[in-house]
């Protein structure tokens, strides 16, 4: 059984946010939900200023606080280590959102049809769309996963549930990398089996400048970073704006 993990090379990231776009398209996330974020920050004082970028998916922690606090076992670990949400079981209590120290959870305040970017039945759109078919709906998001046939892939299934990055579980089961990994133009991301010492992701961990976010909390994330972490004087610039969810 693989133990999935990710390495993110901060020295390669140029802040293009192609990973965010790929995630949104692949997982059909509704307006305001960005499961992947690329934080842009600056450090230092003029004229010695450094601008850096930090992509942040769900950390898929081994010791995941969100799993511990879920009262109905909707948030759970798969055997491969992925931390996922069973949308059929989720009751929307949002305990996982409060427990997560990384801010990766999103609550669906409305039904999916009320959170789409466009109302494709709006007559005012006909002049521009010419009656074109609405955006492609990924059928893989409706496939059940795991031994219990849980509905865990993608966004926009129901209102009143919690959603977050899944490492694109629907792609992993086809032998594909997550969408953010596959679409990065400069190979910032390396994904694979942490249990295999010969895997590319395991070999990357041999570097001396590896760190994880909030390691002092003992959440044991399976997302690792290469490079220098943001310093105490770092300031976020161009924050990602979130709309309705």
Protein backbone atom coordinates (compact mmCIF):
# COMPACT_ATOMS: atom_id res chain seq x y z
CA UNK A 1 0.00 0.00 0.00
CA UNK A 2 1.49 3.39 -0.96
CA UNK A 3 1.84 6.24 1.49
CA UNK A 4 1.28 9.33 -0.57
CA UNK A 5 3.15 12.55 0.00
CA UNK A 6 4.29 15.71 -1.76
CA UNK A 7 7.44 17.80 -1.91
CA UNK A 8 7.19 21.48 -2.93
CA UNK A 9 10.35 23.24 -4.11
CA UNK A 10 10.01 26.90 -3.12
CA UNK A 11 13.12 27.89 -5.07
CA UNK A 12 11.37 26.86 -8.30
CA UNK A 13 7.97 28.44 -7.65
CA UNK A 14 7.38 31.64 -9.65
CA UNK A 15 3.90 32.34 -8.28
CA UNK A 16 1.99 31.80 -11.53
CA UNK A 17 -0.85 30.02 -9.69
CA UNK A 18 -1.38 27.53 -12.51
CA UNK A 19 -1.73 24.91 -9.76
CA UNK A 20 -4.71 26.81 -8.34
CA UNK A 21 -6.40 26.94 -11.72
CA UNK A 22 -5.73 23.26 -12.42
CA UNK A 23 -7.16 22.28 -9.03
CA UNK A 24 -10.29 24.33 -9.57
CA UNK A 25 -10.97 22.88 -13.03
CA UNK A 26 -10.22 19.27 -12.09
CA UNK A 27 -12.23 19.27 -8.87
CA UNK A 28 -15.07 21.59 -9.97
CA UNK A 29 -14.70 23.73 -6.88
CA UNK A 30 -17.46 26.30 -6.48
CA UNK A 31 -17.03 30.05 -6.30
CA UNK A 32 -14.80 31.10 -3.42
CA UNK A 33 -13.28 27.64 -2.85
CA UNK A 34 -9.56 27.39 -3.62
CA UNK A 35 -8.26 24.08 -2.33
CA UNK A 36 -4.76 25.04 -3.43
CA UNK A 37 -3.44 28.47 -2.58
CA UNK A 38 -0.18 30.15 -3.53
CA UNK A 39 0.71 32.75 -0.94
CA UNK A 40 2.86 35.64 -2.13
CA UNK A 41 4.99 37.31 0.52
CA UNK A 42 7.78 39.83 0.87
CA UNK A 43 10.58 40.07 3.39
CA UNK A 44 13.12 42.72 4.31
CA UNK A 45 13.10 46.48 3.87
CA UNK A 46 13.77 48.65 0.86
CA UNK A 47 16.03 48.32 -1.07
CA UNK A 48 16.81 44.81 0.22
CA UNK A 49 13.41 43.21 -0.35
CA UNK A 50 12.78 39.58 -1.27
CA UNK A 51 9.53 38.33 -2.81
CA UNK A 52 8.69 34.65 -2.37
CA UNK A 53 5.85 32.22 -3.03
CA UNK A 54 4.45 29.36 -0.96
CA UNK A 55 1.91 26.90 -2.41
CA UNK A 56 -0.33 25.36 0.26
CA UNK A 57 -2.56 22.37 -0.41
CA UNK A 58 -4.08 20.30 2.37
CA UNK A 59 -1.19 18.86 4.37
CA UNK A 60 -2.81 15.38 4.71
CA UNK A 61 -1.39 15.07 8.22
CA UNK A 62 -0.60 11.70 9.75
CA UNK A 63 -1.74 13.06 13.10
CA UNK A 64 -4.63 15.03 11.65
CA UNK A 65 -6.58 17.18 14.16
CA UNK A 66 -9.54 17.34 11.77
CA UNK A 67 -9.94 13.56 11.84
CA UNK A 68 -9.83 13.46 15.62
CA UNK A 69 -12.60 16.00 16.15
CA UNK A 70 -15.10 14.75 13.55
CA UNK A 71 -18.06 13.35 15.55
CA UNK A 72 -19.40 11.19 12.71
CA UNK A 73 -16.17 9.88 11.15
CA UNK A 74 -16.85 11.78 7.93
CA UNK A 75 -13.29 13.10 7.96
CA UNK A 76 -11.06 10.05 7.86
CA UNK A 77 -7.75 8.52 6.81
CA UNK A 78 -7.59 6.17 3.85
CA UNK A 79 -5.15 3.27 3.95
CA UNK A 80 -2.85 5.20 1.62
CA UNK A 81 -2.73 8.08 4.11
CA UNK A 82 -5.02 10.52 2.32
CA UNK A 83 -7.24 12.59 4.62
CA UNK A 84 -10.66 12.76 3.00
CA UNK A 85 -14.27 13.75 3.72
CA UNK A 86 -17.24 11.45 3.22
CA UNK A 87 -19.82 13.90 1.94
CA UNK A 88 -22.66 11.47 2.68
CA UNK A 89 -21.70 11.38 6.37
CA UNK A 90 -20.67 15.01 6.90
CA UNK A 91 -23.16 16.94 9.06
CA UNK A 92 -21.53 20.34 8.58
CA UNK A 93 -20.58 20.90 12.21
CA UNK A 94 -17.32 22.55 11.03
CA UNK A 95 -15.27 21.10 13.89
CA UNK A 96 -12.63 20.10 11.32
CA UNK A 97 -12.38 23.70 10.13
CA UNK A 98 -11.72 24.94 13.65
CA UNK A 99 -9.24 22.16 14.43
CA UNK A 100 -7.11 22.55 11.31
CA UNK A 101 -4.07 24.81 11.89
CA UNK A 102 -3.49 25.27 8.14
CA UNK A 103 -6.77 26.85 7.07
CA UNK A 104 -7.48 24.39 4.26
CA UNK A 105 -11.17 23.67 4.92
CA UNK A 106 -14.12 25.24 3.14
CA UNK A 107 -17.76 25.10 4.16
CA UNK A 108 -20.45 24.94 1.48
CA UNK A 109 -22.88 27.54 2.74
CA UNK A 110 -25.26 27.08 -0.20
CA UNK A 111 -26.37 24.35 -2.54
CA UNK A 112 -23.95 23.83 -5.46
CA UNK A 113 -26.25 25.33 -8.07
CA UNK A 114 -26.28 28.57 -6.08
CA UNK A 115 -22.47 28.73 -6.00
CA UNK A 116 -21.62 28.34 -9.67
CA UNK A 117 -19.79 31.17 -11.39
CA UNK A 118 -22.51 31.56 -14.02
CA UNK A 119 -26.19 30.79 -14.25
CA UNK A 120 -26.28 28.98 -17.57
CA UNK A 121 -30.05 29.43 -17.74
CA UNK A 122 -29.71 33.21 -17.71
CA UNK A 123 -31.22 34.55 -20.94
CA UNK A 124 -28.71 37.40 -20.94
CA UNK A 125 -25.92 34.87 -21.64
CA UNK A 126 -27.42 33.51 -24.82
CA UNK A 127 -25.99 36.29 -26.96
CA UNK A 128 -22.47 35.34 -25.88
CA UNK A 129 -22.69 31.56 -25.51
CA UNK A 130 -24.80 30.90 -28.59
CA UNK A 131 -26.44 28.08 -26.68
CA UNK A 132 -23.12 26.36 -25.97
CA UNK A 133 -23.05 23.49 -23.48
CA UNK A 134 -22.08 24.47 -19.91
CA UNK A 135 -18.59 23.55 -18.66
CA UNK A 136 -17.66 19.89 -18.67
CA UNK A 137 -18.67 17.99 -15.57
CA UNK A 138 -15.95 15.53 -14.51
CA UNK A 139 -17.72 12.16 -14.08
CA UNK A 140 -14.79 10.86 -12.00
CA UNK A 141 -15.94 13.06 -9.14
CA UNK A 142 -19.03 10.91 -8.69
CA UNK A 143 -17.11 7.64 -8.39
CA UNK A 144 -17.07 6.08 -4.92
CA UNK A 145 -13.67 5.30 -3.38
CA UNK A 146 -12.23 2.94 -0.82
CA UNK A 147 -13.56 -0.30 0.68
CA UNK A 148 -16.63 1.50 2.02
CA UNK A 149 -17.54 3.14 -1.32
CA UNK A 150 -17.31 6.66 0.09
CA UNK A 151 -18.16 9.78 -1.91
CA UNK A 152 -14.95 11.73 -1.33
CA UNK A 153 -13.78 13.25 -4.64
CA UNK A 154 -14.35 16.78 -5.91
CA UNK A 155 -16.41 19.71 -4.70
CA UNK A 156 -19.96 20.86 -5.25
CA UNK A 157 -21.87 17.72 -4.26
CA UNK A 158 -24.04 19.19 -1.50
CA UNK A 159 -24.60 22.30 0.52
CA UNK A 160 -23.88 22.24 4.25
CA UNK A 161 -20.75 20.05 4.08
CA UNK A 162 -17.01 20.61 4.48
CA UNK A 163 -14.65 20.38 1.51
CA UNK A 164 -10.89 20.53 0.97
CA UNK A 165 -7.99 19.29 -1.17
CA UNK A 166 -8.03 15.53 -1.74
CA UNK A 167 -4.69 15.18 -3.60
CA UNK A 168 -7.07 14.48 -6.52
CA UNK A 169 -7.97 11.00 -5.30
CA UNK A 170 -9.89 10.40 -8.53
CA UNK A 171 -6.66 10.86 -10.52
CA UNK A 172 -4.49 8.77 -8.20
CA UNK A 173 -6.70 5.74 -8.75
CA UNK A 174 -5.97 6.08 -12.48
CA UNK A 175 -2.22 6.24 -11.90
CA UNK A 176 -2.11 10.01 -12.54
CA UNK A 177 -0.53 12.78 -10.49
CA UNK A 178 -2.72 15.39 -8.78
CA UNK A 179 -3.79 18.19 -11.11
CA UNK A 180 -1.51 20.75 -9.44
CA UNK A 181 1.51 18.50 -10.01
CA UNK A 182 0.63 17.68 -13.61
CA UNK A 183 0.06 21.30 -14.62
CA UNK A 184 2.95 23.13 -12.96
CA UNK A 185 5.09 24.58 -15.78
CA UNK A 186 8.33 24.57 -13.76
CA UNK A 187 8.09 21.29 -11.82
CA UNK A 188 7.63 22.79 -8.38
CA UNK A 189 5.76 19.71 -7.13
CA UNK A 190 6.95 16.13 -6.72
CA UNK A 191 4.34 13.57 -5.70
CA UNK A 192 4.60 9.90 -4.94
CA UNK A 193 4.99 7.07 -2.45
CA UNK A 194 6.83 8.05 0.72
CA UNK A 195 7.03 4.36 1.67
CA UNK A 196 9.19 3.66 -1.40
CA UNK A 197 12.78 4.83 -0.79
CA UNK A 198 13.40 4.76 -4.54
CA UNK A 199 10.49 7.04 -5.41
CA UNK A 200 11.24 10.55 -6.63
CA UNK A 201 9.44 12.10 -3.69
CA UNK A 202 11.47 10.06 -1.16
CA UNK A 203 14.75 10.99 -2.82
CA UNK A 204 13.87 14.69 -2.60
CA UNK A 205 13.60 14.36 1.18
CA UNK A 206 17.33 13.67 1.34
CA UNK A 207 17.97 17.38 0.93
CA UNK A 208 19.27 19.31 3.93
CA UNK A 209 16.80 22.18 3.57
CA UNK A 210 13.53 20.31 4.05
CA UNK A 211 10.86 21.65 6.37
CA UNK A 212 7.14 21.22 7.10
CA UNK A 213 4.59 23.81 8.14
CA UNK A 214 3.93 24.22 11.88
CA UNK A 215 6.08 21.21 12.81
CA UNK A 216 5.85 22.15 16.48
CA UNK A 217 2.19 21.06 16.48
CA UNK A 218 3.11 17.41 15.82
CA UNK A 219 0.52 17.06 13.05
CA UNK A 220 3.16 15.31 10.91
CA UNK A 221 2.14 16.68 7.49
CA UNK A 222 2.86 14.63 4.38
CA UNK A 223 3.61 17.82 2.47
CA UNK A 224 7.27 18.79 2.65
CA UNK A 225 8.97 21.98 1.45
CA UNK A 226 12.41 22.51 -0.03
CA UNK A 227 14.01 25.90 0.45
CA UNK A 228 13.99 28.58 3.10
CA UNK A 229 10.76 29.08 5.07
CA UNK A 230 9.28 32.57 5.27
CA UNK A 231 10.87 34.59 8.07
CA UNK A 232 9.16 36.22 11.02
CA UNK A 233 9.05 39.58 9.21
CA UNK A 234 7.39 38.17 6.07
CA UNK A 235 4.29 40.01 4.87
CA UNK A 236 1.63 38.58 2.57
CA UNK A 237 1.01 40.51 -0.63
CA UNK A 238 -1.73 40.05 -3.21
CA UNK A 239 -3.83 37.77 -0.99
CA UNK A 240 -6.15 35.32 -2.69
CA UNK A 241 -9.65 36.71 -2.43
CA UNK A 242 -12.45 34.36 -1.50
CA UNK A 243 -16.03 34.86 -2.59
CA UNK A 244 -19.16 33.09 -1.58
CA UNK A 245 -18.96 29.39 -0.78
